[in-house]
PDB file of N, CA and C in Angstrom:
ATOM      1  N   MET A   1       6.222 -11.265 -28.146  1.00  0.00           N
ATOM      2  CA  MET A   1       7.060 -10.150 -27.755  1.00  0.00           C
ATOM      3  C   MET A   1       6.881  -9.896 -26.257  1.00  0.00           C
ATOM      4  N   GLU A   2       7.989  -9.688 -25.558  1.00  0.00           N
ATOM      5  CA  GLU A   2       7.950  -9.449 -24.116  1.00  0.00           C
ATOM      6  C   GLU A   2       7.545  -8.019 -23.811  1.00  0.00           C
ATOM      7  N   LYS A   3       6.891  -7.861 -22.666  1.00  0.00           N
ATOM      8  CA  LYS A   3       6.566  -6.515 -22.212  1.00  0.00           C
ATOM      9  C   LYS A   3       7.851  -5.822 -21.752  1.00  0.00           C
ATOM     10  N   LEU A   4       7.908  -4.535 -21.973  1.00  0.00           N
ATOM     11  CA  LEU A   4       9.047  -3.749 -21.540  1.00  0.00           C
ATOM     12  C   LEU A   4       9.128  -3.783 -20.017  1.00  0.00           C
ATOM     13  N   GLY A   5      10.284  -4.120 -19.472  1.00  0.00           N
ATOM     14  CA  GLY A   5      10.468  -4.159 -18.028  1.00  0.00           C
ATOM     15  C   GLY A   5      10.133  -5.489 -17.387  1.00  0.00           C
ATOM     16  N   SER A   6       9.692  -6.473 -18.162  1.00  0.00           N
ATOM     17  CA  SER A   6       9.308  -7.751 -17.572  1.00  0.00           C
ATOM     18  C   SER A   6      10.509  -8.465 -16.970  1.00  0.00           C
ATOM     19  N   ASN A   7      11.702  -8.302 -17.569  1.00  0.00           N
ATOM     20  CA  ASN A   7      12.904  -8.906 -17.004  1.00  0.00           C
ATOM     21  C   ASN A   7      13.251  -8.289 -15.660  1.00  0.00           C
ATOM     22  N   ILE A   8      13.043  -6.998 -15.531  1.00  0.00           N
ATOM     23  CA  ILE A   8      13.320  -6.309 -14.264  1.00  0.00           C
ATOM     24  C   ILE A   8      12.376  -6.809 -13.185  1.00  0.00           C
ATOM     25  N   ILE A   9      11.100  -6.916 -13.500  1.00  0.00           N
ATOM     26  CA  ILE A   9      10.114  -7.384 -12.521  1.00  0.00           C
ATOM     27  C   ILE A   9      10.389  -8.832 -12.150  1.00  0.00           C
ATOM     28  N   GLU A  10      10.710  -9.667 -13.123  1.00  0.00           N
ATOM     29  CA  GLU A  10      11.000 -11.074 -12.843  1.00  0.00           C
ATOM     30  C   GLU A  10      12.222 -11.209 -11.947  1.00  0.00           C
ATOM     31  N   SER A  11      13.268 -10.433 -12.219  1.00  0.00           N
ATOM     32  CA  SER A  11      14.475 -10.446 -11.398  1.00  0.00           C
ATOM     33  C   SER A  11      14.165  -9.988  -9.973  1.00  0.00           C
ATOM     34  N   PHE A  12      13.356  -8.931  -9.851  1.00  0.00           N
ATOM     35  CA  PHE A  12      12.996  -8.398  -8.536  1.00  0.00           C
ATOM     36  C   PHE A  12      12.211  -9.421  -7.724  1.00  0.00           C
ATOM     37  N   THR A  13      11.238 -10.081  -8.347  1.00  0.00           N
ATOM     38  CA  THR A  13      10.414 -11.052  -7.613  1.00  0.00           C
ATOM     39  C   THR A  13      11.199 -12.289  -7.229  1.00  0.00           C
ATOM     40  N   GLN A  14      12.240 -12.616  -7.984  1.00  0.00           N
ATOM     41  CA  GLN A  14      13.092 -13.746  -7.603  1.00  0.00           C
ATOM     42  C   GLN A  14      13.934 -13.397  -6.387  1.00  0.00           C
ATOM     43  N   ARG A  15      14.406 -12.153  -6.313  1.00  0.00           N
ATOM     44  CA  ARG A  15      15.211 -11.712  -5.168  1.00  0.00           C
ATOM     45  C   ARG A  15      14.365 -11.454  -3.932  1.00  0.00           C
ATOM     46  N   HIS A  16      13.114 -11.044  -4.117  1.00  0.00           N
ATOM     47  CA  HIS A  16      12.230 -10.705  -3.001  1.00  0.00           C
ATOM     48  C   HIS A  16      10.907 -11.464  -3.157  1.00  0.00           C
ATOM     49  N   PRO A  17      10.888 -12.773  -2.898  1.00  0.00           N
ATOM     50  CA  PRO A  17       9.656 -13.540  -3.111  1.00  0.00           C
ATOM     51  C   PRO A  17       8.504 -13.119  -2.208  1.00  0.00           C
ATOM     52  N   VAL A  18       8.800 -12.532  -1.060  1.00  0.00           N
ATOM     53  CA  VAL A  18       7.748 -12.085  -0.147  1.00  0.00           C
ATOM     54  C   VAL A  18       6.904 -11.000  -0.802  1.00  0.00           C
ATOM     55  N   LEU A  19       7.534 -10.193  -1.633  1.00  0.00           N
ATOM     56  CA  LEU A  19       6.846  -9.074  -2.253  1.00  0.00           C
ATOM     57  C   LEU A  19       6.088  -9.458  -3.517  1.00  0.00           C
ATOM     58  N   ASN A  20       6.193 -10.704  -3.923  1.00  0.00           N
ATOM     59  CA  ASN A  20       5.582 -11.142  -5.177  1.00  0.00           C
ATOM     60  C   ASN A  20       4.092 -10.819  -5.223  1.00  0.00           C
ATOM     61  N   ALA A  21       3.396 -10.997  -4.117  1.00  0.00           N
ATOM     62  CA  ALA A  21       1.958 -10.726  -4.089  1.00  0.00           C
ATOM     63  C   ALA A  21       1.662  -9.235  -4.182  1.00  0.00           C
ATOM     64  N   LYS A  22       2.567  -8.397  -3.721  1.00  0.00           N
ATOM     65  CA  LYS A  22       2.334  -6.955  -3.689  1.00  0.00           C
ATOM     66  C   LYS A  22       2.877  -6.231  -4.921  1.00  0.00           C
ATOM     67  N   ILE A  23       3.567  -6.912  -5.805  1.00  0.00           N
ATOM     68  CA  ILE A  23       4.237  -6.251  -6.920  1.00  0.00           C
ATOM     69  C   ILE A  23       3.262  -5.597  -7.889  1.00  0.00           C
ATOM     70  N   ASN A  24       2.079  -6.138  -8.062  1.00  0.00           N
ATOM     71  CA  ASN A  24       1.132  -5.602  -9.027  1.00  0.00           C
ATOM     72  C   ASN A  24       0.236  -4.510  -8.460  1.00  0.00           C
ATOM     73  N   GLY A  25       0.269  -4.311  -7.167  1.00  0.00           N
ATOM     74  CA  GLY A  25      -0.576  -3.285  -6.549  1.00  0.00           C
ATOM     75  C   GLY A  25       0.098  -1.928  -6.556  1.00  0.00           C
ATOM     76  N   PHE A  26      -0.415  -1.032  -5.753  1.00  0.00           N
ATOM     77  CA  PHE A  26       0.174   0.299  -5.623  1.00  0.00           C
ATOM     78  C   PHE A  26      -0.071   0.793  -4.209  1.00  0.00           C
ATOM     79  N   THR A  27       0.689   1.786  -3.812  1.00  0.00           N
ATOM     80  CA  THR A  27       0.571   2.392  -2.497  1.00  0.00           C
ATOM     81  C   THR A  27       0.414   3.892  -2.685  1.00  0.00           C
ATOM     82  N   GLN A  28      -0.627   4.451  -2.115  1.00  0.00           N
ATOM     83  CA  GLN A  28      -0.839   5.888  -2.222  1.00  0.00           C
ATOM     84  C   GLN A  28      -0.071   6.602  -1.112  1.00  0.00           C
ATOM     85  N   ILE A  29       0.713   7.585  -1.508  1.00  0.00           N
ATOM     86  CA  ILE A  29       1.499   8.374  -0.566  1.00  0.00           C
ATOM     87  C   ILE A  29       1.027   9.823  -0.664  1.00  0.00           C
ATOM     88  N   PRO A  30       0.586  10.411   0.442  1.00  0.00           N
ATOM     89  CA  PRO A  30       0.111  11.799   0.405  1.00  0.00           C
ATOM     90  C   PRO A  30       1.226  12.782   0.046  1.00  0.00           C
ATOM     91  N   ASN A  31       0.913  13.761  -0.774  1.00  0.00           N
ATOM     92  CA  ASN A  31       1.882  14.782  -1.160  1.00  0.00           C
ATOM     93  C   ASN A  31       2.388  15.559   0.044  1.00  0.00           C
ATOM     94  N   ARG A  32       1.537  15.807   1.010  1.00  0.00           N
ATOM     95  CA  ARG A  32       1.975  16.575   2.181  1.00  0.00           C
ATOM     96  C   ARG A  32       3.060  15.832   2.956  1.00  0.00           C
ATOM     97  N   PHE A  33       3.074  14.498   2.864  1.00  0.00           N
ATOM     98  CA  PHE A  33       4.151  13.721   3.473  1.00  0.00           C
ATOM     99  C   PHE A  33       5.420  13.810   2.624  1.00  0.00           C
ATOM    100  N   LEU A  34       5.285  13.629   1.318  1.00  0.00           N
ATOM    101  CA  LEU A  34       6.446  13.638   0.420  1.00  0.00           C
ATOM    102  C   LEU A  34       7.171  14.977   0.412  1.00  0.00           C
ATOM    103  N   LEU A  35       6.436  16.062   0.601  1.00  0.00           N
ATOM    104  CA  LEU A  35       7.025  17.396   0.515  1.00  0.00           C
ATOM    105  C   LEU A  35       7.590  17.918   1.836  1.00  0.00           C
ATOM    106  N   ARG A  36       7.457  17.156   2.907  1.00  0.00           N
ATOM    107  CA  ARG A  36       8.004  17.600   4.193  1.00  0.00           C
ATOM    108  C   ARG A  36       9.524  17.614   4.124  1.00  0.00           C
ATOM    109  N   ASP A  37      10.140  18.700   4.604  1.00  0.00           N
ATOM    110  CA  ASP A  37      11.590  18.787   4.564  1.00  0.00           C
ATOM    111  C   ASP A  37      12.239  18.453   5.910  1.00  0.00           C
ATOM    112  N   ASP A  38      11.444  18.114   6.906  1.00  0.00           N
ATOM    113  CA  ASP A  38      11.991  17.741   8.211  1.00  0.00           C
ATOM    114  C   ASP A  38      12.168  16.232   8.350  1.00  0.00           C
ATOM    115  N   ILE A  39      11.944  15.494   7.279  1.00  0.00           N
ATOM    116  CA  ILE A  39      12.039  14.034   7.306  1.00  0.00           C
ATOM    117  C   ILE A  39      13.175  13.604   6.382  1.00  0.00           C
ATOM    118  N   THR A  40      14.052  12.724   6.879  1.00  0.00           N
ATOM    119  CA  THR A  40      15.169  12.247   6.059  1.00  0.00           C
ATOM    120  C   THR A  40      14.663  11.274   4.998  1.00  0.00           C
ATOM    121  N   ILE A  41      15.505  11.002   4.023  1.00  0.00           N
ATOM    122  CA  ILE A  41      15.124  10.088   2.950  1.00  0.00           C
ATOM    123  C   ILE A  41      14.881   8.674   3.500  1.00  0.00           C
ATOM    124  N   TYR A  42      15.670   8.255   4.494  1.00  0.00           N
ATOM    125  CA  TYR A  42      15.467   6.934   5.091  1.00  0.00           C
ATOM    126  C   TYR A  42      14.137   6.869   5.840  1.00  0.00           C
ATOM    127  N   GLU A  43      13.797   7.947   6.549  1.00  0.00           N
ATOM    128  CA  GLU A  43      12.506   7.985   7.244  1.00  0.00           C
ATOM    129  C   GLU A  43      11.364   7.904   6.239  1.00  0.00           C
ATOM    130  N   LYS A  44      11.495   8.614   5.129  1.00  0.00           N
ATOM    131  CA  LYS A  44      10.450   8.564   4.101  1.00  0.00           C
ATOM    132  C   LYS A  44      10.311   7.160   3.532  1.00  0.00           C
ATOM    133  N   MET A  45      11.423   6.545   3.202  1.00  0.00           N
ATOM    134  CA  MET A  45      11.361   5.211   2.600  1.00  0.00           C
ATOM    135  C   MET A  45      10.832   4.163   3.576  1.00  0.00           C
ATOM    136  N   VAL A  46      11.243   4.240   4.830  1.00  0.00           N
ATOM    137  CA  VAL A  46      10.728   3.296   5.839  1.00  0.00           C
ATOM    138  C   VAL A  46       9.228   3.493   6.005  1.00  0.00           C
ATOM    139  N   TRP A  47       8.774   4.743   6.042  1.00  0.00           N
ATOM    140  CA  TRP A  47       7.349   5.025   6.185  1.00  0.00           C
ATOM    141  C   TRP A  47       6.569   4.479   4.987  1.00  0.00           C
ATOM    142  N   VAL A  48       7.130   4.642   3.788  1.00  0.00           N
ATOM    143  CA  VAL A  48       6.473   4.133   2.580  1.00  0.00           C
ATOM    144  C   VAL A  48       6.366   2.610   2.629  1.00  0.00           C
ATOM    145  N   ILE A  49       7.422   1.939   3.057  1.00  0.00           N
ATOM    146  CA  ILE A  49       7.390   0.473   3.161  1.00  0.00           C
ATOM    147  C   ILE A  49       6.374   0.041   4.215  1.00  0.00           C
ATOM    148  N   LEU A  50       6.322   0.717   5.343  1.00  0.00           N
ATOM    149  CA  LEU A  50       5.323   0.382   6.367  1.00  0.00           C
ATOM    150  C   LEU A  50       3.911   0.612   5.835  1.00  0.00           C
ATOM    151  N   LYS A  51       3.730   1.676   5.086  1.00  0.00           N
ATOM    152  CA  LYS A  51       2.412   1.957   4.489  1.00  0.00           C
ATOM    153  C   LYS A  51       2.019   0.837   3.531  1.00  0.00           C
ATOM    154  N   LYS A  52       3.004   0.304   2.812  1.00  0.00           N
ATOM    155  CA  LYS A  52       2.740  -0.791   1.884  1.00  0.00           C
ATOM    156  C   LYS A  52       2.271  -2.044   2.627  1.00  0.00           C
ATOM    157  N   TYR A  53       2.830  -2.284   3.805  1.00  0.00           N
ATOM    158  CA  TYR A  53       2.501  -3.475   4.575  1.00  0.00           C
ATOM    159  C   TYR A  53       1.255  -3.317   5.460  1.00  0.00           C
ATOM    160  N   LYS A  54       0.765  -2.101   5.637  1.00  0.00           N
ATOM    161  CA  LYS A  54      -0.306  -1.874   6.609  1.00  0.00           C
ATOM    162  C   LYS A  54      -1.600  -2.599   6.235  1.00  0.00           C
ATOM    163  N   MET A  55      -2.364  -2.904   7.253  1.00  0.00           N
ATOM    164  CA  MET A  55      -3.668  -3.527   7.076  1.00  0.00           C
ATOM    165  C   MET A  55      -4.733  -2.434   7.141  1.00  0.00           C
ATOM    166  N   ARG A  56      -5.977  -2.796   7.142  1.00  0.00           N
ATOM    167  CA  ARG A  56      -7.074  -1.823   7.146  1.00  0.00           C
ATOM    168  C   ARG A  56      -7.065  -0.899   8.365  1.00  0.00           C
ATOM    169  N   ASN A  57      -6.562  -1.373   9.482  1.00  0.00           N
ATOM    170  CA  ASN A  57      -6.569  -0.559  10.700  1.00  0.00           C
ATOM    171  C   ASN A  57      -5.294   0.275  10.858  1.00  0.00           C
ATOM    172  N   ALA A  58      -4.527   0.440   9.771  1.00  0.00           N
ATOM    173  CA  ALA A  58      -3.291   1.234   9.737  1.00  0.00           C
ATOM    174  C   ALA A  58      -2.171   0.607  10.554  1.00  0.00           C
ATOM    175  N   LYS A  59      -2.264  -0.675  10.884  1.00  0.00           N
ATOM    176  CA  LYS A  59      -1.216  -1.347  11.634  1.00  0.00           C
ATOM    177  C   LYS A  59      -0.521  -2.386  10.759  1.00  0.00           C
ATOM    178  N   CYS A  60       0.762  -2.586  11.038  1.00  0.00           N
ATOM    179  CA  CYS A  60       1.533  -3.618  10.361  1.00  0.00           C
ATOM    180  C   CYS A  60       2.624  -4.100  11.306  1.00  0.00           C
ATOM    181  N   TRP A  61       3.265  -5.200  10.981  1.00  0.00           N
ATOM    182  CA  TRP A  61       4.280  -5.752  11.870  1.00  0.00           C
ATOM    183  C   TRP A  61       5.426  -6.431  11.119  1.00  0.00           C
ATOM    184  N   PRO A  62       5.994  -5.776  10.099  1.00  0.00           N
ATOM    185  CA  PRO A  62       7.158  -6.392   9.451  1.00  0.00           C
ATOM    186  C   PRO A  62       8.385  -6.313  10.360  1.00  0.00           C
ATOM    187  N   ALA A  63       9.257  -7.302  10.263  1.00  0.00           N
ATOM    188  CA  ALA A  63      10.495  -7.294  11.038  1.00  0.00           C
ATOM    189  C   ALA A  63      11.440  -6.227  10.494  1.00  0.00           C
ATOM    190  N   GLU A  64      12.356  -5.777  11.334  1.00  0.00           N
ATOM    191  CA  GLU A  64      13.288  -4.731  10.922  1.00  0.00           C
ATOM    192  C   GLU A  64      14.156  -5.176   9.750  1.00  0.00           C
ATOM    193  N   ASP A  65      14.544  -6.458   9.708  1.00  0.00           N
ATOM    194  CA  ASP A  65      15.350  -6.927   8.580  1.00  0.00           C
ATOM    195  C   ASP A  65      14.534  -6.976   7.291  1.00  0.00           C
ATOM    196  N   THR A  66      13.234  -7.200   7.388  1.00  0.00           N
ATOM    197  CA  THR A  66      12.362  -7.146   6.217  1.00  0.00           C
ATOM    198  C   THR A  66      12.265  -5.722   5.693  1.00  0.00           C
ATOM    199  N   ILE A  67      12.124  -4.767   6.597  1.00  0.00           N
ATOM    200  CA  ILE A  67      12.077  -3.354   6.200  1.00  0.00           C
ATOM    201  C   ILE A  67      13.396  -2.970   5.543  1.00  0.00           C
ATOM    202  N   ALA A  68      14.517  -3.375   6.156  1.00  0.00           N
ATOM    203  CA  ALA A  68      15.839  -3.049   5.623  1.00  0.00           C
ATOM    204  C   ALA A  68      16.033  -3.622   4.219  1.00  0.00           C
ATOM    205  N   ALA A  69      15.536  -4.818   3.973  1.00  0.00           N
ATOM    206  CA  ALA A  69      15.664  -5.430   2.652  1.00  0.00           C
ATOM    207  C   ALA A  69      14.809  -4.715   1.615  1.00  0.00           C
ATOM    208  N   ASN A  70      13.698  -4.149   2.044  1.00  0.00           N
ATOM    209  CA  ASN A  70      12.794  -3.458   1.131  1.00  0.00           C
ATOM    210  C   ASN A  70      13.228  -2.034   0.829  1.00  0.00           C
ATOM    211  N   VAL A  71      13.942  -1.373   1.743  1.00  0.00           N
ATOM    212  CA  VAL A  71      14.261   0.046   1.537  1.00  0.00           C
ATOM    213  C   VAL A  71      15.232   0.277   0.378  1.00  0.00           C
ATOM    214  N   PRO A  72      16.308  -0.327   0.111  1.00  0.00           N
ATOM    215  CA  PRO A  72      17.240  -1.149   0.889  1.00  0.00           C
ATOM    216  C   PRO A  72      18.248  -0.284   1.653  1.00  0.00           C
ATOM    217  N   CYS A  73      18.520  -0.733   2.871  1.00  0.00           N
ATOM    218  CA  CYS A  73      19.509  -0.084   3.727  1.00  0.00           C
ATOM    219  C   CYS A  73      19.832  -1.055   4.854  1.00  0.00           C
ATOM    220  N   GLY A  74      20.656  -0.627   5.792  1.00  0.00           N
ATOM    221  CA  GLY A  74      21.022  -1.474   6.913  1.00  0.00           C
ATOM    222  C   GLY A  74      19.993  -1.399   8.034  1.00  0.00           C
ATOM    223  N   ILE A  75      20.059  -2.361   8.932  1.00  0.00           N
ATOM    224  CA  ILE A  75      19.114  -2.413  10.058  1.00  0.00           C
ATOM    225  C   ILE A  75      19.311  -1.210  10.984  1.00  0.00           C
ATOM    226  N   THR A  76      20.557  -0.747  11.139  1.00  0.00           N
ATOM    227  CA  THR A  76      20.806   0.434  11.975  1.00  0.00           C
ATOM    228  C   THR A  76      20.093   1.656  11.406  1.00  0.00           C
ATOM    229  N   SER A  77      20.122   1.820  10.090  1.00  0.00           N
ATOM    230  CA  SER A  77      19.417   2.940   9.452  1.00  0.00           C
ATOM    231  C   SER A  77      17.916   2.822   9.647  1.00  0.00           C
ATOM    232  N   VAL A  78      17.397   1.601   9.608  1.00  0.00           N
ATOM    233  CA  VAL A  78      15.963   1.369   9.832  1.00  0.00           C
ATOM    234  C   VAL A  78      15.595   1.757  11.256  1.00  0.00           C
ATOM    235  N   LYS A  79      16.402   1.348  12.229  1.00  0.00           N
ATOM    236  CA  LYS A  79      16.119   1.676  13.630  1.00  0.00           C
ATOM    237  C   LYS A  79      16.123   3.187  13.859  1.00  0.00           C
ATOM    238  N   LYS A  80      17.111   3.878  13.270  1.00  0.00           N
ATOM    239  CA  LYS A  80      17.168   5.342  13.395  1.00  0.00           C
ATOM    240  C   LYS A  80      15.951   5.988  12.745  1.00  0.00           C
ATOM    241  N   ALA A  81      15.570   5.476  11.579  1.00  0.00           N
ATOM    242  CA  ALA A  81      14.408   6.036  10.870  1.00  0.00           C
ATOM    243  C   ALA A  81      13.123   5.800  11.665  1.00  0.00           C
ATOM    244  N   LEU A  82      12.969   4.613  12.229  1.00  0.00           N
ATOM    245  CA  LEU A  82      11.774   4.313  13.032  1.00  0.00           C
ATOM    246  C   LEU A  82      11.698   5.230  14.250  1.00  0.00           C
ATOM    247  N   ASN A  83      12.833   5.435  14.912  1.00  0.00           N
ATOM    248  CA  ASN A  83      12.856   6.343  16.072  1.00  0.00           C
ATOM    249  C   ASN A  83      12.538   7.769  15.656  1.00  0.00           C
ATOM    250  N   GLY A  84      13.089   8.208  14.529  1.00  0.00           N
ATOM    251  CA  GLY A  84      12.802   9.555  14.031  1.00  0.00           C
ATOM    252  C   GLY A  84      11.335   9.741  13.692  1.00  0.00           C
ATOM    253  N   LEU A  85      10.747   8.753  13.039  1.00  0.00           N
ATOM    254  CA  LEU A  85       9.320   8.822  12.695  1.00  0.00           C
ATOM    255  C   LEU A  85       8.446   8.839  13.944  1.00  0.00           C
ATOM    256  N   GLU A  86       8.860   8.067  14.941  1.00  0.00           N
ATOM    257  CA  GLU A  86       8.094   8.030  16.188  1.00  0.00           C
ATOM    258  C   GLU A  86       8.188   9.368  16.920  1.00  0.00           C
ATOM    259  N   CYS A  87       9.364   9.975  16.932  1.00  0.00           N
ATOM    260  CA  CYS A  87       9.542  11.286  17.578  1.00  0.00           C
ATOM    261  C   CYS A  87       8.750  12.381  16.878  1.00  0.00           C
ATOM    262  N   LYS A  88       8.575  12.254  15.564  1.00  0.00           N
ATOM    263  CA  LYS A  88       7.842  13.261  14.787  1.00  0.00           C
ATOM    264  C   LYS A  88       6.340  12.998  14.743  1.00  0.00           C
ATOM    265  N   GLY A  89       5.891  11.935  15.418  1.00  0.00           N
ATOM    266  CA  GLY A  89       4.467  11.651  15.510  1.00  0.00           C
ATOM    267  C   GLY A  89       3.873  10.982  14.278  1.00  0.00           C
ATOM    268  N   LEU A  90       4.708  10.461  13.396  1.00  0.00           N
ATOM    269  CA  LEU A  90       4.211   9.811  12.181  1.00  0.00           C
ATOM    270  C   LEU A  90       4.043   8.311  12.343  1.00  0.00           C
ATOM    271  N   LEU A  91       4.420   7.804  13.513  1.00  0.00           N
ATOM    272  CA  LEU A  91       4.419   6.367  13.736  1.00  0.00           C
ATOM    273  C   LEU A  91       4.267   6.091  15.224  1.00  0.00           C
ATOM    274  N   ILE A  92       3.501   5.075  15.545  1.00  0.00           N
ATOM    275  CA  ILE A  92       3.413   4.600  16.926  1.00  0.00           C
ATOM    276  C   ILE A  92       3.914   3.168  16.923  1.00  0.00           C
ATOM    277  N   LYS A  93       4.977   2.927  17.695  1.00  0.00           N
ATOM    278  CA  LYS A  93       5.576   1.598  17.770  1.00  0.00           C
ATOM    279  C   LYS A  93       5.155   0.961  19.079  1.00  0.00           C
ATOM    280  N   SER A  94       4.691  -0.277  19.014  1.00  0.00           N
ATOM    281  CA  SER A  94       4.291  -0.982  20.229  1.00  0.00           C
ATOM    282  C   SER A  94       4.660  -2.459  20.099  1.00  0.00           C
ATOM    283  N   ARG A  95       4.590  -3.138  21.206  1.00  0.00           N
ATOM    284  CA  ARG A  95       4.883  -4.569  21.245  1.00  0.00           C
ATOM    285  C   ARG A  95       3.572  -5.301  21.460  1.00  0.00           C
ATOM    286  N   ASP A  96       3.316  -6.305  20.631  1.00  0.00           N
ATOM    287  CA  ASP A  96       2.071  -7.057  20.706  1.00  0.00           C
ATOM    288  C   ASP A  96       2.408  -8.511  21.018  1.00  0.00           C
ATOM    289  N   LYS A  97       1.707  -9.110  21.957  1.00  0.00           N
ATOM    290  CA  LYS A  97       1.960 -10.504  22.317  1.00  0.00           C
ATOM    291  C   LYS A  97       1.639 -11.453  21.168  1.00  0.00           C
ATOM    292  N   GLN A  98       0.775 -11.019  20.278  1.00  0.00           N
ATOM    293  CA  GLN A  98       0.328 -11.850  19.172  1.00  0.00           C
ATOM    294  C   GLN A  98       1.397 -11.993  18.083  1.00  0.00           C
ATOM    295  N   HIS A  99       2.265 -10.989  17.933  1.00  0.00           N
ATOM    296  CA  HIS A  99       3.274 -10.986  16.883  1.00  0.00           C
ATOM    297  C   HIS A  99       4.665 -10.945  17.501  1.00  0.00           C
ATOM    298  N   ARG A 100       5.631 -11.575  16.846  1.00  0.00           N
ATOM    299  CA  ARG A 100       6.989 -11.625  17.377  1.00  0.00           C
ATOM    300  C   ARG A 100       7.730 -10.314  17.163  1.00  0.00           C
ATOM    301  N   SER A 101       7.384  -9.573  16.154  1.00  0.00           N
ATOM    302  CA  SER A 101       8.058  -8.299  15.899  1.00  0.00           C
ATOM    303  C   SER A 101       7.219  -7.143  16.440  1.00  0.00           C
ATOM    304  N   ASN A 102       7.753  -5.948  16.341  1.00  0.00           N
ATOM    305  CA  ASN A 102       7.018  -4.754  16.781  1.00  0.00           C
ATOM    306  C   ASN A 102       5.784  -4.542  15.899  1.00  0.00           C
ATOM    307  N   THR A 103       4.794  -3.874  16.464  1.00  0.00           N
ATOM    308  CA  THR A 103       3.615  -3.475  15.702  1.00  0.00           C
ATOM    309  C   THR A 103       3.735  -1.974  15.461  1.00  0.00           C
ATOM    310  N   TYR A 104       3.511  -1.567  14.225  1.00  0.00           N
ATOM    311  CA  TYR A 104       3.626  -0.160  13.856  1.00  0.00           C
ATOM    312  C   TYR A 104       2.264   0.359  13.406  1.00  0.00           C
ATOM    313  N   GLU A 105       1.881   1.509  13.943  1.00  0.00           N
ATOM    314  CA  GLU A 105       0.665   2.177  13.524  1.00  0.00           C
ATOM    315  C   GLU A 105       1.067   3.460  12.820  1.00  0.00           C
ATOM    316  N   ILE A 106       0.649   3.589  11.573  1.00  0.00           N
ATOM    317  CA  ILE A 106       1.042   4.708  10.730  1.00  0.00           C
ATOM    318  C   ILE A 106       0.131   5.892  10.964  1.00  0.00           C
ATOM    319  N   ARG A 107       0.725   7.064  11.103  1.00  0.00           N
ATOM    320  CA  ARG A 107      -0.033   8.314  11.295  1.00  0.00           C
ATOM    321  C   ARG A 107       0.322   9.295  10.185  1.00  0.00           C
ATOM    322  N   ILE A 108      -0.636  10.063   9.743  1.00  0.00           N
ATOM    323  CA  ILE A 108      -0.398  11.222   8.881  1.00  0.00           C
ATOM    324  C   ILE A 108      -1.674  12.047   8.795  1.00  0.00           C
TER     325      ILE A 108
END
């Protein structure tokens, strides 16, 4: 007998193979972040995806199209959300010579 939802997970991992390793884990999101009313839904979702990708030092470097595929939304919405998060002090965006995409440091 199949587990309930196994078809959904299998379909998801086929569409997003990059996330296959992360599908069984979890990401903790602070309630004080979720309950903020000054953050748009796109900003919240982008922040959650960045939190999922972060390393031990709170930094990550997914490309904007990767973030857009994970949210899901368009790249323009991702750029607006990243700028909004940076203006609100929840994110520090920088350019690193080591990585081709931007480096994001998550704050909360």
